[in-house]
């Protein structure tokens, strides 16, 4: 049971790549449409590269601080640093997936709308499903993978009292250590989500206001007119803030929600003080969430 979410996450990510390939095969329109779309894609990618470079320094600094804490506080294991770094990487990748597919889907949806509205809906929905499946699949893959690793490191892969750091610990106490270490993954995901959402939102609004002031007030041309160079920056902002930022935000929220359910389940089991024969309750929780995704 505990390994089931890994398989389901892999299936979700596989379907995501299939859907992504299908979207990219759709007609991208004429030369002018492709030119504008490429400018938006390049601008959004440039912003993400600059943002992620700054966030890399933040991740390094926090990782060093967590490493120091793990050596000072006996109850904190050093593996929380690895979980934190991987959580940050997964969160950034989730936002990156959404931004790239969004900039490619926009122009294809516009071209499809020239012939059929249902076809345009199919293209746009397919592009959106790529980010949705990517966010959920990466979250379940990361949480399940680290849960299994920590479960075997701290509990030797079984629900039984085990010696840890020179003391005999109950299964409930050991599971608490597992989940506290796993919380580093959520911390990394939420850290990236915070800066991606807020930073992207600031850029989005700044570009929007600037484009409107220049276009409507000074030049007297309509909003989002291709003759206004700031329109490109405005559309870049829509993608980095409303797509990449939201993707990282949803990833962090999803991870935190699943982890919270596991923590509550652990405390319920500890309070029951019963004979727990199942070793994979964390896997059950993750399976439940992924079943909701697939259904």
C-alpha atoms as a PDB file:
ATOM      1  CA  UNK A   1       0.000   0.000   0.000  1.00  0.00           C
ATOM      2  CA  UNK A   2       2.780   2.419   0.874  1.00  0.00           C
ATOM      3  CA  UNK A   3       4.290   2.129  -2.620  1.00  0.00           C
ATOM      4  CA  UNK A   4       1.001   2.637  -4.474  1.00  0.00           C
ATOM      5  CA  UNK A   5       1.230   6.465  -4.563  1.00  0.00           C
ATOM      6  CA  UNK A   6       4.594   6.230  -6.349  1.00  0.00           C
ATOM      7  CA  UNK A   7       3.000   4.254  -9.166  1.00  0.00           C
ATOM      8  CA  UNK A   8      -0.004   6.558  -9.329  1.00  0.00           C
ATOM      9  CA  UNK A   9       2.193   9.668  -9.331  1.00  0.00           C
ATOM     10  CA  UNK A  10       4.266   8.182 -12.144  1.00  0.00           C
ATOM     11  CA  UNK A  11       1.089   7.497 -14.144  1.00  0.00           C
ATOM     12  CA  UNK A  12      -0.107  11.054 -13.559  1.00  0.00           C
ATOM     13  CA  UNK A  13       3.217  12.519 -14.710  1.00  0.00           C
ATOM     14  CA  UNK A  14       3.279  10.198 -17.732  1.00  0.00           C
ATOM     15  CA  UNK A  15      -0.181  11.376 -18.761  1.00  0.00           C
ATOM     16  CA  UNK A  16       0.982  14.952 -18.208  1.00  0.00           C
ATOM     17  CA  UNK A  17       3.818  14.521 -20.719  1.00  0.00           C
ATOM     18  CA  UNK A  18       1.433  12.867 -23.200  1.00  0.00           C
ATOM     19  CA  UNK A  19      -0.995  15.770 -22.862  1.00  0.00           C
ATOM     20  CA  UNK A  20       1.851  18.271 -23.194  1.00  0.00           C
ATOM     21  CA  UNK A  21       3.026  16.608 -26.395  1.00  0.00           C
ATOM     22  CA  UNK A  22      -0.524  16.748 -27.787  1.00  0.00           C
ATOM     23  CA  UNK A  23      -0.872  20.456 -27.031  1.00  0.00           C
ATOM     24  CA  UNK A  24       2.461  21.296 -28.661  1.00  0.00           C
ATOM     25  CA  UNK A  25       1.388  19.476 -31.841  1.00  0.00           C
ATOM     26  CA  UNK A  26      -1.558  21.832 -32.333  1.00  0.00           C
ATOM     27  CA  UNK A  27      -1.372  24.610 -34.932  1.00  0.00           C
ATOM     28  CA  UNK A  28       0.378  27.715 -33.549  1.00  0.00           C
ATOM     29  CA  UNK A  29      -1.042  30.104 -36.143  1.00  0.00           C
ATOM     30  CA  UNK A  30       0.579  32.429 -38.649  1.00  0.00           C
ATOM     31  CA  UNK A  31       3.919  34.236 -38.506  1.00  0.00           C
ATOM     32  CA  UNK A  32       2.728  37.281 -36.559  1.00  0.00           C
ATOM     33  CA  UNK A  33       1.040  35.148 -33.901  1.00  0.00           C
ATOM     34  CA  UNK A  34       4.141  33.012 -33.515  1.00  0.00           C
ATOM     35  CA  UNK A  35       6.344  36.096 -33.276  1.00  0.00           C
ATOM     36  CA  UNK A  36       4.310  37.634 -30.446  1.00  0.00           C
ATOM     37  CA  UNK A  37       4.029  34.267 -28.688  1.00  0.00           C
ATOM     38  CA  UNK A  38       7.792  33.732 -28.872  1.00  0.00           C
ATOM     39  CA  UNK A  39       8.451  37.174 -27.377  1.00  0.00           C
ATOM     40  CA  UNK A  40       6.125  36.406 -24.463  1.00  0.00           C
ATOM     41  CA  UNK A  41       7.738  32.997 -23.937  1.00  0.00           C
ATOM     42  CA  UNK A  42      11.268  34.416 -23.975  1.00  0.00           C
ATOM     43  CA  UNK A  43      10.323  37.234 -21.604  1.00  0.00           C
ATOM     44  CA  UNK A  44       8.637  34.896 -19.139  1.00  0.00           C
ATOM     45  CA  UNK A  45      11.580  32.503 -19.233  1.00  0.00           C
ATOM     46  CA  UNK A  46      14.040  35.358 -18.657  1.00  0.00           C
ATOM     47  CA  UNK A  47      12.069  36.528 -15.618  1.00  0.00           C
ATOM     48  CA  UNK A  48      11.958  33.037 -14.122  1.00  0.00           C
ATOM     49  CA  UNK A  49      15.701  32.560 -14.627  1.00  0.00           C
ATOM     50  CA  UNK A  50      16.449  35.840 -12.846  1.00  0.00           C
ATOM     51  CA  UNK A  51      13.997  35.045 -10.052  1.00  0.00           C
ATOM     52  CA  UNK A  52      15.242  31.506  -9.510  1.00  0.00           C
ATOM     53  CA  UNK A  53      18.862  32.704  -9.339  1.00  0.00           C
ATOM     54  CA  UNK A  54      17.954  34.916  -6.375  1.00  0.00           C
ATOM     55  CA  UNK A  55      15.884  32.158  -4.792  1.00  0.00           C
ATOM     56  CA  UNK A  56      18.853  29.797  -5.104  1.00  0.00           C
ATOM     57  CA  UNK A  57      20.825  32.024  -2.705  1.00  0.00           C
ATOM     58  CA  UNK A  58      17.878  31.993  -0.300  1.00  0.00           C
ATOM     59  CA  UNK A  59      17.683  28.193  -0.413  1.00  0.00           C
ATOM     60  CA  UNK A  60      21.425  27.883   0.234  1.00  0.00           C
ATOM     61  CA  UNK A  61      21.308  30.246   3.231  1.00  0.00           C
ATOM     62  CA  UNK A  62      18.290  28.528   4.795  1.00  0.00           C
ATOM     63  CA  UNK A  63      19.846  25.106   4.160  1.00  0.00           C
ATOM     64  CA  UNK A  64      22.972  26.147   6.059  1.00  0.00           C
ATOM     65  CA  UNK A  65      20.839  27.434   8.945  1.00  0.00           C
ATOM     66  CA  UNK A  66      18.829  24.199   9.032  1.00  0.00           C
ATOM     67  CA  UNK A  67      22.061  22.195   9.040  1.00  0.00           C
ATOM     68  CA  UNK A  68      23.311  24.196  12.029  1.00  0.00           C
ATOM     69  CA  UNK A  69      20.021  23.651  13.851  1.00  0.00           C
ATOM     70  CA  UNK A  70      20.153  19.913  13.148  1.00  0.00           C
ATOM     71  CA  UNK A  71      23.549  19.679  14.867  1.00  0.00           C
ATOM     72  CA  UNK A  72      22.524  21.878  17.805  1.00  0.00           C
ATOM     73  CA  UNK A  73      19.061  20.412  18.459  1.00  0.00           C
ATOM     74  CA  UNK A  74      19.255  16.622  19.007  1.00  0.00           C
ATOM     75  CA  UNK A  75      15.639  16.008  17.983  1.00  0.00           C
ATOM     76  CA  UNK A  76      16.199  17.537  14.519  1.00  0.00           C
ATOM     77  CA  UNK A  77      17.789  15.219  11.966  1.00  0.00           C
ATOM     78  CA  UNK A  78      20.183  16.523   9.317  1.00  0.00           C
ATOM     79  CA  UNK A  79      18.128  14.904   6.547  1.00  0.00           C
ATOM     80  CA  UNK A  80      15.632  17.750   6.915  1.00  0.00           C
ATOM     81  CA  UNK A  81      18.115  19.810   4.870  1.00  0.00           C
ATOM     82  CA  UNK A  82      17.857  17.419   1.927  1.00  0.00           C
ATOM     83  CA  UNK A  83      14.072  17.435   2.194  1.00  0.00           C
ATOM     84  CA  UNK A  84      14.044  21.243   2.225  1.00  0.00           C
ATOM     85  CA  UNK A  85      16.231  21.552  -0.875  1.00  0.00           C
ATOM     86  CA  UNK A  86      14.207  18.973  -2.810  1.00  0.00           C
ATOM     87  CA  UNK A  87      10.948  20.645  -1.792  1.00  0.00           C
ATOM     88  CA  UNK A  88      12.233  23.952  -3.149  1.00  0.00           C
ATOM     89  CA  UNK A  89      13.373  22.341  -6.412  1.00  0.00           C
ATOM     90  CA  UNK A  90      10.073  20.516  -6.909  1.00  0.00           C
ATOM     91  CA  UNK A  91       8.092  23.700  -6.234  1.00  0.00           C
ATOM     92  CA  UNK A  92      10.162  25.731  -8.696  1.00  0.00           C
ATOM     93  CA  UNK A  93       9.833  22.996 -11.311  1.00  0.00           C
ATOM     94  CA  UNK A  94       6.056  22.859 -10.849  1.00  0.00           C
ATOM     95  CA  UNK A  95       5.807  26.582 -11.544  1.00  0.00           C
ATOM     96  CA  UNK A  96       8.179  26.285 -14.485  1.00  0.00           C
ATOM     97  CA  UNK A  97       6.060  23.541 -16.068  1.00  0.00           C
ATOM     98  CA  UNK A  98       2.931  25.656 -15.814  1.00  0.00           C
ATOM     99  CA  UNK A  99       4.560  28.775 -17.226  1.00  0.00           C
ATOM    100  CA  UNK A 100       6.064  27.021 -20.236  1.00  0.00           C
ATOM    101  CA  UNK A 101       2.902  25.183 -21.235  1.00  0.00           C
ATOM    102  CA  UNK A 102       0.758  28.292 -20.689  1.00  0.00           C
ATOM    103  CA  UNK A 103       2.823  30.420 -23.060  1.00  0.00           C
ATOM    104  CA  UNK A 104       2.649  27.671 -25.682  1.00  0.00           C
ATOM    105  CA  UNK A 105      -1.068  26.998 -25.194  1.00  0.00           C
ATOM    106  CA  UNK A 106      -2.196  30.624 -25.514  1.00  0.00           C
ATOM    107  CA  UNK A 107      -1.393  31.037 -29.191  1.00  0.00           C
ATOM    108  CA  UNK A 108      -2.687  27.557 -30.049  1.00  0.00           C
ATOM    109  CA  UNK A 109      -5.985  28.282 -28.319  1.00  0.00           C
ATOM    110  CA  UNK A 110      -6.322  31.502 -30.308  1.00  0.00           C
ATOM    111  CA  UNK A 111      -5.658  29.675 -33.565  1.00  0.00           C
ATOM    112  CA  UNK A 112      -8.117  26.906 -32.673  1.00  0.00           C
ATOM    113  CA  UNK A 113     -10.803  29.493 -31.876  1.00  0.00           C
ATOM    114  CA  UNK A 114     -10.667  30.636 -35.510  1.00  0.00           C
ATOM    115  CA  UNK A 115     -12.226  27.349 -36.599  1.00  0.00           C
ATOM    116  CA  UNK A 116     -14.121  25.967 -33.610  1.00  0.00           C
ATOM    117  CA  UNK A 117     -14.889  27.078 -30.068  1.00  0.00           C
ATOM    118  CA  UNK A 118     -15.087  23.471 -28.755  1.00  0.00           C
ATOM    119  CA  UNK A 119     -11.633  22.847 -30.235  1.00  0.00           C
ATOM    120  CA  UNK A 120     -10.304  25.982 -28.542  1.00  0.00           C
ATOM    121  CA  UNK A 121     -11.771  24.763 -25.254  1.00  0.00           C
ATOM    122  CA  UNK A 122     -10.081  21.393 -25.730  1.00  0.00           C
ATOM    123  CA  UNK A 123      -6.686  22.969 -26.372  1.00  0.00           C
ATOM    124  CA  UNK A 124      -6.937  25.360 -23.431  1.00  0.00           C
ATOM    125  CA  UNK A 125      -8.213  22.634 -21.104  1.00  0.00           C
ATOM    126  CA  UNK A 126      -5.410  20.335 -22.222  1.00  0.00           C
ATOM    127  CA  UNK A 127      -2.829  23.004 -21.440  1.00  0.00           C
ATOM    128  CA  UNK A 128      -4.344  23.599 -18.021  1.00  0.00           C
ATOM    129  CA  UNK A 129      -4.413  19.889 -17.228  1.00  0.00           C
ATOM    130  CA  UNK A 130      -0.654  19.719 -17.822  1.00  0.00           C
ATOM    131  CA  UNK A 131       0.039  22.050 -14.911  1.00  0.00           C
ATOM    132  CA  UNK A 132      -2.645  20.447 -12.744  1.00  0.00           C
ATOM    133  CA  UNK A 133      -1.297  16.942 -13.219  1.00  0.00           C
ATOM    134  CA  UNK A 134       2.279  18.183 -12.873  1.00  0.00           C
ATOM    135  CA  UNK A 135       1.619  19.928  -9.560  1.00  0.00           C
ATOM    136  CA  UNK A 136      -0.261  17.006  -8.007  1.00  0.00           C
ATOM    137  CA  UNK A 137       2.018  14.336  -9.473  1.00  0.00           C
ATOM    138  CA  UNK A 138       5.223  16.011  -8.285  1.00  0.00           C
ATOM    139  CA  UNK A 139       3.730  16.639  -4.837  1.00  0.00           C
ATOM    140  CA  UNK A 140       2.703  13.019  -4.335  1.00  0.00           C
ATOM    141  CA  UNK A 141       5.960  11.731  -5.822  1.00  0.00           C
ATOM    142  CA  UNK A 142       8.086  13.902  -3.536  1.00  0.00           C
ATOM    143  CA  UNK A 143       6.078  13.274  -0.376  1.00  0.00           C
ATOM    144  CA  UNK A 144       5.807   9.532  -0.932  1.00  0.00           C
ATOM    145  CA  UNK A 145       9.452   9.132  -1.880  1.00  0.00           C
ATOM    146  CA  UNK A 146      10.755  10.955   1.179  1.00  0.00           C
ATOM    147  CA  UNK A 147       8.201   9.292   3.453  1.00  0.00           C
ATOM    148  CA  UNK A 148       9.403   5.851   2.363  1.00  0.00           C
ATOM    149  CA  UNK A 149      13.060   6.854   2.771  1.00  0.00           C
ATOM    150  CA  UNK A 150      12.554   8.319   6.240  1.00  0.00           C
ATOM    151  CA  UNK A 151      10.305   5.413   7.242  1.00  0.00           C
ATOM    152  CA  UNK A 152      13.123   2.971   6.504  1.00  0.00           C
ATOM    153  CA  UNK A 153      15.874   5.181   7.965  1.00  0.00           C
ATOM    154  CA  UNK A 154      14.166   5.937  11.285  1.00  0.00           C
ATOM    155  CA  UNK A 155      11.880   2.903  11.708  1.00  0.00           C
ATOM    156  CA  UNK A 156      13.698   0.196   9.716  1.00  0.00           C
ATOM    157  CA  UNK A 157      10.638  -0.193   7.513  1.00  0.00           C
ATOM    158  CA  UNK A 158       8.322  -1.612  10.186  1.00  0.00           C
ATOM    159  CA  UNK A 159       5.864  -0.375  12.804  1.00  0.00           C
ATOM    160  CA  UNK A 160       7.686  -1.431  15.962  1.00  0.00           C
ATOM    161  CA  UNK A 161       9.626   0.019  18.870  1.00  0.00           C
ATOM    162  CA  UNK A 162      13.178   0.732  17.710  1.00  0.00           C
ATOM    163  CA  UNK A 163      16.310   2.127  19.285  1.00  0.00           C
ATOM    164  CA  UNK A 164      17.030   5.635  18.020  1.00  0.00           C
ATOM    165  CA  UNK A 165      19.869   7.878  19.230  1.00  0.00           C
ATOM    166  CA  UNK A 166      20.608   5.532  22.118  1.00  0.00           C
ATOM    167  CA  UNK A 167      17.002   5.346  23.356  1.00  0.00           C
ATOM    168  CA  UNK A 168      14.135   2.954  22.770  1.00  0.00           C
ATOM    169  CA  UNK A 169      11.333   4.827  21.018  1.00  0.00           C
ATOM    170  CA  UNK A 170       7.726   3.831  20.503  1.00  0.00           C
ATOM    171  CA  UNK A 171       6.398   3.602  16.927  1.00  0.00           C
ATOM    172  CA  UNK A 172       4.368   6.771  17.478  1.00  0.00           C
ATOM    173  CA  UNK A 173       7.430   8.702  18.626  1.00  0.00           C
ATOM    174  CA  UNK A 174       9.460   7.464  15.672  1.00  0.00           C
ATOM    175  CA  UNK A 175       6.697   8.383  13.243  1.00  0.00           C
ATOM    176  CA  UNK A 176       6.668  11.867  14.755  1.00  0.00           C
ATOM    177  CA  UNK A 177      10.377  12.179  13.909  1.00  0.00           C
ATOM    178  CA  UNK A 178       9.661  10.927  10.380  1.00  0.00           C
ATOM    179  CA  UNK A 179       6.961  13.538   9.835  1.00  0.00           C
ATOM    180  CA  UNK A 180       8.987  16.339  11.432  1.00  0.00           C
ATOM    181  CA  UNK A 181      11.804  15.592   9.002  1.00  0.00           C
ATOM    182  CA  UNK A 182       9.327  15.332   6.136  1.00  0.00           C
ATOM    183  CA  UNK A 183       8.084  18.811   7.081  1.00  0.00           C
ATOM    184  CA  UNK A 184      11.328  20.139   5.581  1.00  0.00           C
ATOM    185  CA  UNK A 185       9.951  19.212   2.155  1.00  0.00           C
ATOM    186  CA  UNK A 186       6.858  21.319   2.816  1.00  0.00           C
ATOM    187  CA  UNK A 187       8.990  24.195   4.129  1.00  0.00           C
ATOM    188  CA  UNK A 188      11.041  24.251   0.933  1.00  0.00           C
ATOM    189  CA  UNK A 189       7.933  24.144  -1.249  1.00  0.00           C
ATOM    190  CA  UNK A 190       6.196  26.946   0.643  1.00  0.00           C
ATOM    191  CA  UNK A 191       9.333  29.121   0.645  1.00  0.00           C
ATOM    192  CA  UNK A 192       9.563  29.089  -3.143  1.00  0.00           C
ATOM    193  CA  UNK A 193       5.801  29.545  -3.447  1.00  0.00           C
ATOM    194  CA  UNK A 194       5.902  32.657  -1.262  1.00  0.00           C
ATOM    195  CA  UNK A 195       8.502  34.468  -3.353  1.00  0.00           C
ATOM    196  CA  UNK A 196       7.218  33.204  -6.704  1.00  0.00           C
ATOM    197  CA  UNK A 197       3.656  34.268  -5.959  1.00  0.00           C
ATOM    198  CA  UNK A 198       4.478  37.654  -4.440  1.00  0.00           C
ATOM    199  CA  UNK A 199       7.389  38.473  -6.754  1.00  0.00           C
ATOM    200  CA  UNK A 200       5.454  37.441  -9.836  1.00  0.00           C
ATOM    201  CA  UNK A 201       2.407  39.369  -8.630  1.00  0.00           C
ATOM    202  CA  UNK A 202       4.392  42.571  -8.194  1.00  0.00           C
ATOM    203  CA  UNK A 203       5.843  42.244 -11.690  1.00  0.00           C
ATOM    204  CA  UNK A 204       2.387  41.459 -13.090  1.00  0.00           C
ATOM    205  CA  UNK A 205       0.751  44.536 -11.618  1.00  0.00           C
ATOM    206  CA  UNK A 206       3.689  46.824 -12.443  1.00  0.00           C
ATOM    207  CA  UNK A 207       3.655  45.739 -16.091  1.00  0.00           C
ATOM    208  CA  UNK A 208      -0.132  46.027 -16.268  1.00  0.00           C
ATOM    209  CA  UNK A 209      -0.245  49.558 -14.856  1.00  0.00           C
ATOM    210  CA  UNK A 210       2.715  50.681 -16.961  1.00  0.00           C
ATOM    211  CA  UNK A 211       1.216  49.326 -20.177  1.00  0.00           C
ATOM    212  CA  UNK A 212      -2.150  50.964 -19.478  1.00  0.00           C
ATOM    213  CA  UNK A 213      -0.609  54.343 -18.679  1.00  0.00           C
ATOM    214  CA  UNK A 214       1.523  54.394 -21.798  1.00  0.00           C
ATOM    215  CA  UNK A 215      -1.078  52.936 -24.141  1.00  0.00           C
ATOM    216  CA  UNK A 216      -4.378  54.432 -23.030  1.00  0.00           C
ATOM    217  CA  UNK A 217      -3.287  57.723 -21.485  1.00  0.00           C
ATOM    218  CA  UNK A 218      -0.280  58.826 -23.528  1.00  0.00           C
ATOM    219  CA  UNK A 219      -0.650  57.127 -26.911  1.00  0.00           C
ATOM    220  CA  UNK A 220      -4.435  56.739 -26.969  1.00  0.00           C
ATOM    221  CA  UNK A 221      -4.399  53.161 -28.277  1.00  0.00           C
ATOM    222  CA  UNK A 222      -6.569  50.284 -26.993  1.00  0.00           C
ATOM    223  CA  UNK A 223      -5.504  47.957 -24.203  1.00  0.00           C
ATOM    224  CA  UNK A 224      -3.252  45.033 -25.199  1.00  0.00           C
ATOM    225  CA  UNK A 225      -2.649  46.561 -28.632  1.00  0.00           C
ATOM    226  CA  UNK A 226       0.352  44.919 -30.399  1.00  0.00           C
ATOM    227  CA  UNK A 227       1.625  48.397 -31.329  1.00  0.00           C
ATOM    228  CA  UNK A 228       2.375  49.013 -27.650  1.00  0.00           C
ATOM    229  CA  UNK A 229       5.693  47.314 -26.718  1.00  0.00           C
ATOM    230  CA  UNK A 230       4.608  47.242 -23.075  1.00  0.00           C
ATOM    231  CA  UNK A 231       1.885  44.774 -24.066  1.00  0.00           C
ATOM    232  CA  UNK A 232       4.545  42.068 -24.243  1.00  0.00           C
ATOM    233  CA  UNK A 233       5.651  42.868 -20.691  1.00  0.00           C
ATOM    234  CA  UNK A 234       2.005  42.840 -19.595  1.00  0.00           C
ATOM    235  CA  UNK A 235       1.467  39.361 -21.031  1.00  0.00           C
ATOM    236  CA  UNK A 236       4.757  38.164 -19.563  1.00  0.00           C
ATOM    237  CA  UNK A 237       3.535  39.350 -16.168  1.00  0.00           C
ATOM    238  CA  UNK A 238       0.267  37.450 -16.562  1.00  0.00           C
ATOM    239  CA  UNK A 239       2.210  34.237 -17.110  1.00  0.00           C
ATOM    240  CA  UNK A 240       4.862  34.585 -14.400  1.00  0.00           C
ATOM    241  CA  UNK A 241       2.407  35.781 -11.765  1.00  0.00           C
ATOM    242  CA  UNK A 242      -0.871  34.053 -12.517  1.00  0.00           C
ATOM    243  CA  UNK A 243       0.613  30.812 -13.845  1.00  0.00           C
ATOM    244  CA  UNK A 244       4.154  30.162 -12.574  1.00  0.00           C
ATOM    245  CA  UNK A 245       3.487  31.795  -9.211  1.00  0.00           C
ATOM    246  CA  UNK A 246       0.162  30.043  -8.833  1.00  0.00           C
ATOM    247  CA  UNK A 247       1.690  26.697  -9.810  1.00  0.00           C
ATOM    248  CA  UNK A 248       4.312  26.934  -7.072  1.00  0.00           C
ATOM    249  CA  UNK A 249       1.650  28.172  -4.650  1.00  0.00           C
ATOM    250  CA  UNK A 250      -0.683  25.259  -5.397  1.00  0.00           C
ATOM    251  CA  UNK A 251       2.203  22.814  -5.068  1.00  0.00           C
ATOM    252  CA  UNK A 252       3.121  24.155  -1.635  1.00  0.00           C
ATOM    253  CA  UNK A 253      -0.493  24.184  -0.471  1.00  0.00           C
ATOM    254  CA  UNK A 254      -1.094  20.640  -1.694  1.00  0.00           C
ATOM    255  CA  UNK A 255       2.035  19.339   0.041  1.00  0.00           C
ATOM    256  CA  UNK A 256       1.133  21.105   3.289  1.00  0.00           C
ATOM    257  CA  UNK A 257      -2.419  19.737   3.182  1.00  0.00           C
ATOM    258  CA  UNK A 258      -1.343  16.123   2.723  1.00  0.00           C
ATOM    259  CA  UNK A 259       1.372  16.456   5.364  1.00  0.00           C
ATOM    260  CA  UNK A 260      -1.121  17.978   7.811  1.00  0.00           C
ATOM    261  CA  UNK A 261      -3.422  14.981   7.322  1.00  0.00           C
ATOM    262  CA  UNK A 262      -0.512  12.630   8.041  1.00  0.00           C
ATOM    263  CA  UNK A 263       0.462  14.548  11.193  1.00  0.00           C
ATOM    264  CA  UNK A 264      -3.109  14.489  12.508  1.00  0.00           C
ATOM    265  CA  UNK A 265      -3.381  10.790  11.708  1.00  0.00           C
ATOM    266  CA  UNK A 266      -0.172  10.108  13.621  1.00  0.00           C
ATOM    267  CA  UNK A 267      -1.424  11.889  16.728  1.00  0.00           C
ATOM    268  CA  UNK A 268      -4.744  10.040  16.551  1.00  0.00           C
ATOM    269  CA  UNK A 269      -2.895   6.723  16.418  1.00  0.00           C
ATOM    270  CA  UNK A 270      -0.654   7.741  19.326  1.00  0.00           C
ATOM    271  CA  UNK A 271      -3.660   8.754  21.422  1.00  0.00           C
ATOM    272  CA  UNK A 272      -5.411   5.465  20.650  1.00  0.00           C
ATOM    273  CA  UNK A 273      -2.453   3.582  22.160  1.00  0.00           C
ATOM    274  CA  UNK A 274      -3.616   0.499  20.326  1.00  0.00           C
ATOM    275  CA  UNK A 275      -1.853  -2.291  18.507  1.00  0.00           C
ATOM    276  CA  UNK A 276      -1.338  -0.892  15.021  1.00  0.00           C
ATOM    277  CA  UNK A 277      -0.690  -3.679  12.583  1.00  0.00           C
ATOM    278  CA  UNK A 278      -0.558  -1.549   9.460  1.00  0.00           C
ATOM    279  CA  UNK A 279       2.744   0.148   8.720  1.00  0.00           C
ATOM    280  CA  UNK A 280       1.555   2.300   5.832  1.00  0.00           C
ATOM    281  CA  UNK A 281      -1.050   4.775   7.068  1.00  0.00           C
ATOM    282  CA  UNK A 282       0.887   7.600   5.468  1.00  0.00           C
ATOM    283  CA  UNK A 283       0.672   5.813   2.146  1.00  0.00           C
ATOM    284  CA  UNK A 284      -3.081   5.402   2.599  1.00  0.00           C
ATOM    285  CA  UNK A 285      -3.501   9.154   3.025  1.00  0.00           C
ATOM    286  CA  UNK A 286      -1.409   9.872  -0.063  1.00  0.00           C
ATOM    287  CA  UNK A 287      -3.297   7.236  -2.062  1.00  0.00           C
ATOM    288  CA  UNK A 288      -6.601   8.826  -1.092  1.00  0.00           C
ATOM    289  CA  UNK A 289      -5.497  12.249  -2.316  1.00  0.00           C
ATOM    290  CA  UNK A 290      -4.170  10.901  -5.597  1.00  0.00           C
ATOM    291  CA  UNK A 291      -7.337   8.870  -6.165  1.00  0.00           C
ATOM    292  CA  UNK A 292      -9.245  12.148  -5.891  1.00  0.00           C
ATOM    293  CA  UNK A 293      -6.882  13.609  -8.485  1.00  0.00           C
ATOM    294  CA  UNK A 294      -7.319  10.759 -10.961  1.00  0.00           C
ATOM    295  CA  UNK A 295     -11.092  10.535 -10.514  1.00  0.00           C
END
